[in-house]
Amino acid sequence: MNYQQVVQLHRFTKQASLRSATVLFFAAMLLVVVLPRGAVASGGVALPKQNWSFAGMFGQFDNAALKRGAQVAIQACMTCHSLKYIKFDQLRQFGYTEIEVKALAESQGRTKKDALLSGMDANAAKDAFGVVPPDLSLITKARKGYEDYTFAILTGYASANDLALATRVMADDKISDEEAKEVASALGLDMHHLDKMAEVLKRMAAGENFNRYFPGHFFAMPQPLSDGAVAYTDGTENSKIQLARDVVTFLAWAGEPTMMERKSLGVKVLLYLFVLTIMMYAVKRRIWARVH
């Protein structure tokens, strides 16, 4: 192999390597943007997929939803739960005024420099529920399914119709095939395991807190939200679904208050790397052009 052939082989190898690196780089970026996150709860029940304004590389938080969500968190969730990594004063980042922040803090017997801590004593909570309610600061990042899971838990409790169904079915000595299908459709249970279904219905009829998306279906927390539970100051409809969406949006922000800054920096870095790749390719072409 002569010198010219060696040079041509080297040039071909360099070009192939650069093309491969470029393809791998953009493939990795595409995966980061479009790779789906978990959509099934630990119990195997499919979570209701939600469209969040802040999802994806270019997603943005809705400040109005954040303000409403903070109101729900403070007036409903903080009865039992805390957000120990968030201070009242941080709420100004998405539109609360100094006066509003002060009023919210004072409504909880605190100052704007204090963290969003529950007024319930840990010992009292354990006596009431058997467990200490978890801190919600990172809750949307701590469960498979992320925001979809948190939303599903808040909206997945048994309705009055579900409880009536459980009571009616348990009044019979045996679950018929038709009843099993009805229960499976209404509650997301496996109709092929009638013994387990009967146990769930018995516990529901006894007044335990059933949630179709929670692993095991029963836990200590009673249904925290209901239609009209929080009166929005901006006049937005305060249905249970709307309350849940808004508070999950706020909890997503609480889990990463700097998300928008991170996304902005990420876009700038990607643009920089793209321009740098083109420049390096141009430099490489210019250098190797002298070999001819």
Protein backbone atom coordinates (compact mmCIF):
# COMPACT_ATOMS: atom_id res chain seq x y z
CA MET A 1 0.00 0.00 0.00
CA ASN A 2 1.54 3.28 -1.14
CA TYR A 3 1.46 6.63 0.65
CA GLN A 4 -1.50 7.97 -1.34
CA GLN A 5 -3.59 4.92 -0.53
CA VAL A 6 -2.72 5.27 3.16
CA VAL A 7 -3.80 8.92 3.11
CA GLN A 8 -7.06 8.07 1.35
CA LEU A 9 -7.79 5.29 3.84
CA HIS A 10 -7.07 7.59 6.76
CA ARG A 11 -9.31 10.29 5.32
CA PHE A 12 -12.14 7.82 4.75
CA THR A 13 -11.80 6.52 8.31
CA LYS A 14 -11.89 10.04 9.73
CA GLN A 15 -14.99 10.94 7.74
CA ALA A 16 -16.75 7.74 8.76
CA SER A 17 -15.90 8.33 12.40
CA LEU A 18 -17.19 11.89 12.27
CA ARG A 19 -20.42 10.82 10.61
CA SER A 20 -20.91 8.06 13.16
CA ALA A 21 -20.25 10.42 16.06
CA THR A 22 -22.69 12.97 14.63
CA VAL A 23 -25.40 10.36 14.14
CA LEU A 24 -24.90 8.98 17.65
CA PHE A 25 -24.98 12.48 19.14
CA PHE A 26 -28.29 13.45 17.56
CA ALA A 27 -29.76 10.00 18.21
CA ALA A 28 -28.97 10.42 21.89
CA MET A 29 -30.55 13.86 21.93
CA LEU A 30 -33.66 12.49 20.24
CA LEU A 31 -33.97 9.74 22.84
CA VAL A 32 -33.69 12.29 25.65
CA VAL A 33 -36.54 14.30 24.14
CA VAL A 34 -38.97 11.58 23.03
CA LEU A 35 -38.19 8.57 25.23
CA PRO A 36 -41.45 7.83 27.07
CA ARG A 37 -41.45 7.67 30.84
CA GLY A 38 -43.17 5.04 32.94
CA ALA A 39 -46.92 4.88 32.32
CA VAL A 40 -47.85 1.91 34.51
CA ALA A 41 -48.24 1.96 38.28
CA SER A 42 -46.37 -0.53 40.41
CA GLY A 43 -49.59 -2.50 40.82
CA GLY A 44 -49.77 -3.10 37.08
CA VAL A 45 -52.75 -0.78 36.40
CA ALA A 46 -52.25 1.51 33.42
CA LEU A 47 -52.01 5.15 34.48
CA PRO A 48 -54.16 7.78 32.73
CA LYS A 49 -51.73 9.60 30.46
CA GLN A 50 -51.75 13.37 30.95
CA ASN A 51 -50.42 16.21 28.83
CA TRP A 52 -48.31 18.50 31.00
CA SER A 53 -47.32 21.95 29.79
CA PHE A 54 -43.83 21.54 31.27
CA ALA A 55 -43.08 18.18 29.66
CA GLY A 56 -40.39 17.83 26.99
CA MET A 57 -37.34 19.87 26.08
CA PHE A 58 -39.31 23.01 25.27
CA GLY A 59 -42.07 22.63 27.88
CA GLN A 60 -42.84 25.57 30.14
CA PHE A 61 -44.59 25.89 33.48
CA ASP A 62 -47.98 27.62 33.44
CA ASN A 63 -47.60 30.29 36.13
CA ALA A 64 -51.37 30.52 36.66
CA ALA A 65 -51.53 26.75 37.26
CA LEU A 66 -48.55 27.00 39.61
CA LYS A 67 -50.28 29.68 41.68
CA ARG A 68 -53.47 27.63 41.89
CA GLY A 69 -51.48 24.49 42.70
CA ALA A 70 -49.64 26.25 45.52
CA GLN A 71 -52.99 27.32 46.92
CA VAL A 72 -54.24 23.71 46.84
CA ALA A 73 -51.02 22.41 48.41
CA ILE A 74 -51.16 24.92 51.26
CA GLN A 75 -54.89 24.70 51.97
CA ALA A 76 -55.40 20.95 51.42
CA CYS A 77 -52.16 18.95 51.28
CA MET A 78 -50.32 20.70 54.10
CA THR A 79 -52.96 19.57 56.55
CA CYS A 80 -50.88 16.38 56.75
CA HIS A 81 -47.89 16.75 54.43
CA SER A 82 -44.89 19.08 54.32
CA LEU A 83 -42.71 20.46 51.52
CA LYS A 84 -39.63 21.03 53.61
CA TYR A 85 -37.37 22.09 50.73
CA ILE A 86 -39.63 24.95 49.62
CA LYS A 87 -40.03 28.26 51.44
CA PHE A 88 -43.04 30.55 51.19
CA ASP A 89 -40.84 33.29 49.75
CA GLN A 90 -39.97 31.09 46.76
CA LEU A 91 -43.58 31.29 45.59
CA ARG A 92 -42.78 34.74 44.20
CA GLN A 93 -40.87 33.00 41.39
CA PHE A 94 -44.10 32.31 39.54
CA GLY A 95 -46.19 35.38 40.25
CA TYR A 96 -47.17 35.63 43.90
CA THR A 97 -46.68 39.13 45.25
CA GLU A 98 -44.95 39.97 48.50
CA ILE A 99 -48.31 40.69 50.13
CA GLU A 100 -49.83 37.41 48.90
CA VAL A 101 -46.85 35.40 50.11
CA LYS A 102 -47.04 37.03 53.52
CA ALA A 103 -50.78 36.32 53.73
CA LEU A 104 -50.29 32.65 52.79
CA ALA A 105 -47.54 32.23 55.37
CA GLU A 106 -49.57 33.92 58.10
CA SER A 107 -52.55 31.69 57.31
CA GLN A 108 -50.32 28.78 58.37
CA GLY A 109 -48.91 30.61 61.39
CA ARG A 110 -45.52 31.13 59.74
CA THR A 111 -43.39 33.81 58.08
CA LYS A 112 -42.33 34.09 54.46
CA LYS A 113 -38.86 32.79 55.34
CA ASP A 114 -40.26 29.53 56.71
CA ALA A 115 -40.54 26.26 54.82
CA LEU A 116 -43.91 24.80 53.85
CA LEU A 117 -44.22 22.54 56.87
CA SER A 118 -47.37 20.73 57.93
CA GLY A 119 -49.06 21.86 61.10
CA MET A 120 -49.62 18.21 62.08
CA ASP A 121 -47.20 16.80 64.60
CA ALA A 122 -45.41 13.64 63.42
CA ASN A 123 -46.52 11.67 66.49
CA ALA A 124 -50.12 12.80 66.05
CA ALA A 125 -49.98 11.83 62.37
CA LYS A 126 -48.67 8.38 63.22
CA ASP A 127 -51.40 7.90 65.81
CA ALA A 128 -54.06 8.96 63.29
CA PHE A 129 -52.84 7.16 60.18
CA GLY A 130 -50.39 4.56 61.44
CA VAL A 131 -47.57 6.19 59.43
CA VAL A 132 -46.01 9.63 59.15
CA PRO A 133 -47.21 11.24 55.89
CA PRO A 134 -44.27 11.58 53.45
CA ASP A 135 -42.75 14.91 52.52
CA LEU A 136 -44.01 16.03 49.10
CA SER A 137 -41.03 18.09 47.96
CA LEU A 138 -39.77 15.36 45.59
CA ILE A 139 -42.86 13.17 45.35
CA THR A 140 -43.29 13.53 41.57
CA LYS A 141 -39.75 12.25 41.04
CA ALA A 142 -39.88 9.49 43.64
CA ARG A 143 -42.54 7.27 42.05
CA LYS A 144 -42.61 5.36 38.78
CA GLY A 145 -44.94 7.25 36.48
CA TYR A 146 -43.85 10.63 37.87
CA GLU A 147 -46.51 13.34 37.49
CA ASP A 148 -48.97 10.90 35.89
CA TYR A 149 -48.74 8.63 38.93
CA THR A 150 -49.29 11.47 41.41
CA PHE A 151 -52.30 12.68 39.41
CA ALA A 152 -53.67 9.13 39.23
CA ILE A 153 -53.38 8.66 42.99
CA LEU A 154 -55.24 11.92 43.65
CA THR A 155 -58.08 10.98 41.29
CA GLY A 156 -58.10 7.18 41.69
CA TYR A 157 -60.15 6.81 44.87
CA ALA A 158 -63.39 4.85 44.90
CA SER A 159 -66.44 6.90 43.97
CA ALA A 160 -69.84 6.63 45.63
CA ASN A 161 -70.93 4.34 42.78
CA ASP A 162 -67.86 2.13 43.34
CA LEU A 163 -68.67 1.80 47.04
CA ALA A 164 -72.28 1.00 46.25
CA LEU A 165 -71.12 -1.68 43.82
CA ALA A 166 -68.81 -3.21 46.44
CA THR A 167 -71.60 -3.30 49.01
CA ARG A 168 -74.05 -4.85 46.56
CA VAL A 169 -71.65 -7.54 45.38
CA MET A 170 -70.58 -8.44 48.92
CA ALA A 171 -74.24 -8.91 49.89
CA ASP A 172 -74.21 -12.06 47.74
CA ASP A 173 -72.59 -15.27 48.86
CA LYS A 174 -70.74 -15.59 45.57
CA ILE A 175 -69.40 -13.26 42.87
CA SER A 176 -71.02 -14.11 39.57
CA ASP A 177 -69.23 -13.79 36.24
CA GLU A 178 -71.31 -10.76 35.35
CA GLU A 179 -70.48 -9.09 38.67
CA ALA A 180 -66.80 -9.95 38.27
CA LYS A 181 -66.75 -8.24 34.86
CA GLU A 182 -68.54 -5.20 36.28
CA VAL A 183 -66.13 -4.92 39.21
CA ALA A 184 -63.08 -5.43 36.98
CA SER A 185 -64.26 -2.68 34.64
CA ALA A 186 -65.12 -0.24 37.43
CA LEU A 187 -62.17 -0.80 39.75
CA GLY A 188 -59.39 -2.13 37.50
CA LEU A 189 -59.22 -5.48 39.30
CA ASP A 190 -58.32 -8.85 37.78
CA MET A 191 -61.55 -10.77 37.27
CA HIS A 192 -59.62 -14.06 37.09
CA HIS A 193 -58.70 -13.85 40.79
CA LEU A 194 -62.09 -13.89 42.50
CA ASP A 195 -60.68 -14.50 45.99
CA LYS A 196 -58.53 -11.37 45.80
CA MET A 197 -61.42 -9.43 44.30
CA ALA A 198 -63.69 -10.49 47.14
CA GLU A 199 -61.08 -9.40 49.70
CA VAL A 200 -60.80 -5.97 48.07
CA LEU A 201 -64.58 -5.52 47.97
CA LYS A 202 -64.89 -6.57 51.61
CA ARG A 203 -62.31 -4.00 52.68
CA MET A 204 -64.01 -1.32 50.59
CA ALA A 205 -67.38 -2.11 52.13
CA ALA A 206 -65.74 -1.84 55.56
CA GLY A 207 -64.70 1.74 54.78
CA GLU A 208 -60.99 1.37 53.99
CA ASN A 209 -59.38 3.79 51.53
CA PHE A 210 -59.36 2.12 48.11
CA ASN A 211 -57.29 3.53 45.25
CA ARG A 212 -57.12 1.70 41.94
CA TYR A 213 -53.60 2.98 41.13
CA PHE A 214 -51.91 2.41 44.48
CA PRO A 215 -49.96 -0.88 44.78
CA GLY A 216 -52.10 -3.10 46.99
CA HIS A 217 -55.02 -0.66 46.47
CA PHE A 218 -55.32 0.38 50.14
CA PHE A 219 -53.37 2.96 52.11
CA ALA A 220 -53.74 5.30 55.06
CA MET A 221 -54.50 8.55 53.23
CA PRO A 222 -58.20 9.29 52.77
CA GLN A 223 -59.27 11.08 49.61
CA PRO A 224 -57.62 14.52 49.92
CA LEU A 225 -59.46 16.39 47.16
CA SER A 226 -63.08 16.83 46.18
CA ASP A 227 -65.06 19.18 43.95
CA GLY A 228 -64.97 22.68 45.41
CA ALA A 229 -62.50 21.78 48.18
CA VAL A 230 -60.45 24.91 47.40
CA ALA A 231 -61.94 28.21 46.23
CA TYR A 232 -59.65 29.58 43.52
CA THR A 233 -59.05 33.29 43.72
CA ASP A 234 -58.80 33.61 39.91
CA GLY A 235 -62.27 32.14 39.28
CA THR A 236 -61.04 28.92 37.63
CA GLU A 237 -63.36 25.92 37.86
CA ASN A 238 -62.41 24.06 41.04
CA SER A 239 -63.39 20.51 40.14
CA LYS A 240 -61.45 17.62 41.68
CA ILE A 241 -59.72 16.98 38.34
CA GLN A 242 -58.66 20.62 38.01
CA LEU A 243 -57.44 20.75 41.61
CA ALA A 244 -55.39 17.59 41.03
CA ARG A 245 -53.83 18.87 37.80
CA ASP A 246 -52.88 22.18 39.39
CA VAL A 247 -51.38 20.72 42.55
CA VAL A 248 -49.39 18.15 40.55
CA THR A 249 -48.04 20.99 38.40
CA PHE A 250 -46.95 22.76 41.59
CA LEU A 251 -45.40 19.58 43.00
CA ALA A 252 -43.47 19.11 39.75
CA TRP A 253 -42.10 22.64 40.18
CA ALA A 254 -41.31 21.96 43.85
CA GLY A 255 -39.30 18.91 42.81
CA GLU A 256 -37.15 21.07 40.52
CA PRO A 257 -37.68 24.84 40.85
CA THR A 258 -34.81 25.47 38.40
CA MET A 259 -36.26 23.28 35.62
CA MET A 260 -36.79 26.18 33.20
CA GLU A 261 -33.23 27.42 33.70
CA ARG A 262 -31.91 23.90 33.11
CA LYS A 263 -33.89 23.53 29.90
CA SER A 264 -32.76 26.93 28.64
CA LEU A 265 -29.13 26.05 29.35
CA GLY A 266 -29.58 22.65 27.72
CA VAL A 267 -30.86 24.18 24.48
CA LYS A 268 -27.94 26.60 24.41
CA VAL A 269 -25.47 23.74 24.98
CA LEU A 270 -27.01 21.70 22.16
CA LEU A 271 -26.81 24.67 19.80
CA TYR A 272 -23.20 25.24 20.82
CA LEU A 273 -22.31 21.58 20.21
CA PHE A 274 -24.09 21.64 16.85
CA VAL A 275 -22.16 24.72 15.71
CA LEU A 276 -18.92 23.29 17.11
CA THR A 277 -19.47 20.05 15.19
CA ILE A 278 -19.90 21.95 11.93
CA MET A 279 -16.82 24.08 12.64
CA MET A 280 -14.67 21.06 13.49
CA TYR A 281 -15.82 19.32 10.34
CA ALA A 282 -14.94 22.40 8.28
CA VAL A 283 -11.50 22.61 9.95
CA LYS A 284 -10.91 18.93 9.30
CA ARG A 285 -11.82 19.36 5.61
CA ARG A 286 -9.49 22.33 5.30
CA ILE A 287 -6.57 20.55 6.97
CA TRP A 288 -6.87 17.35 4.96
CA ALA A 289 -7.39 19.26 1.72
CA ARG A 290 -3.68 20.11 1.87
CA VAL A 291 -2.77 16.41 1.55
CA HIS A 292 -3.91 16.33 -2.09
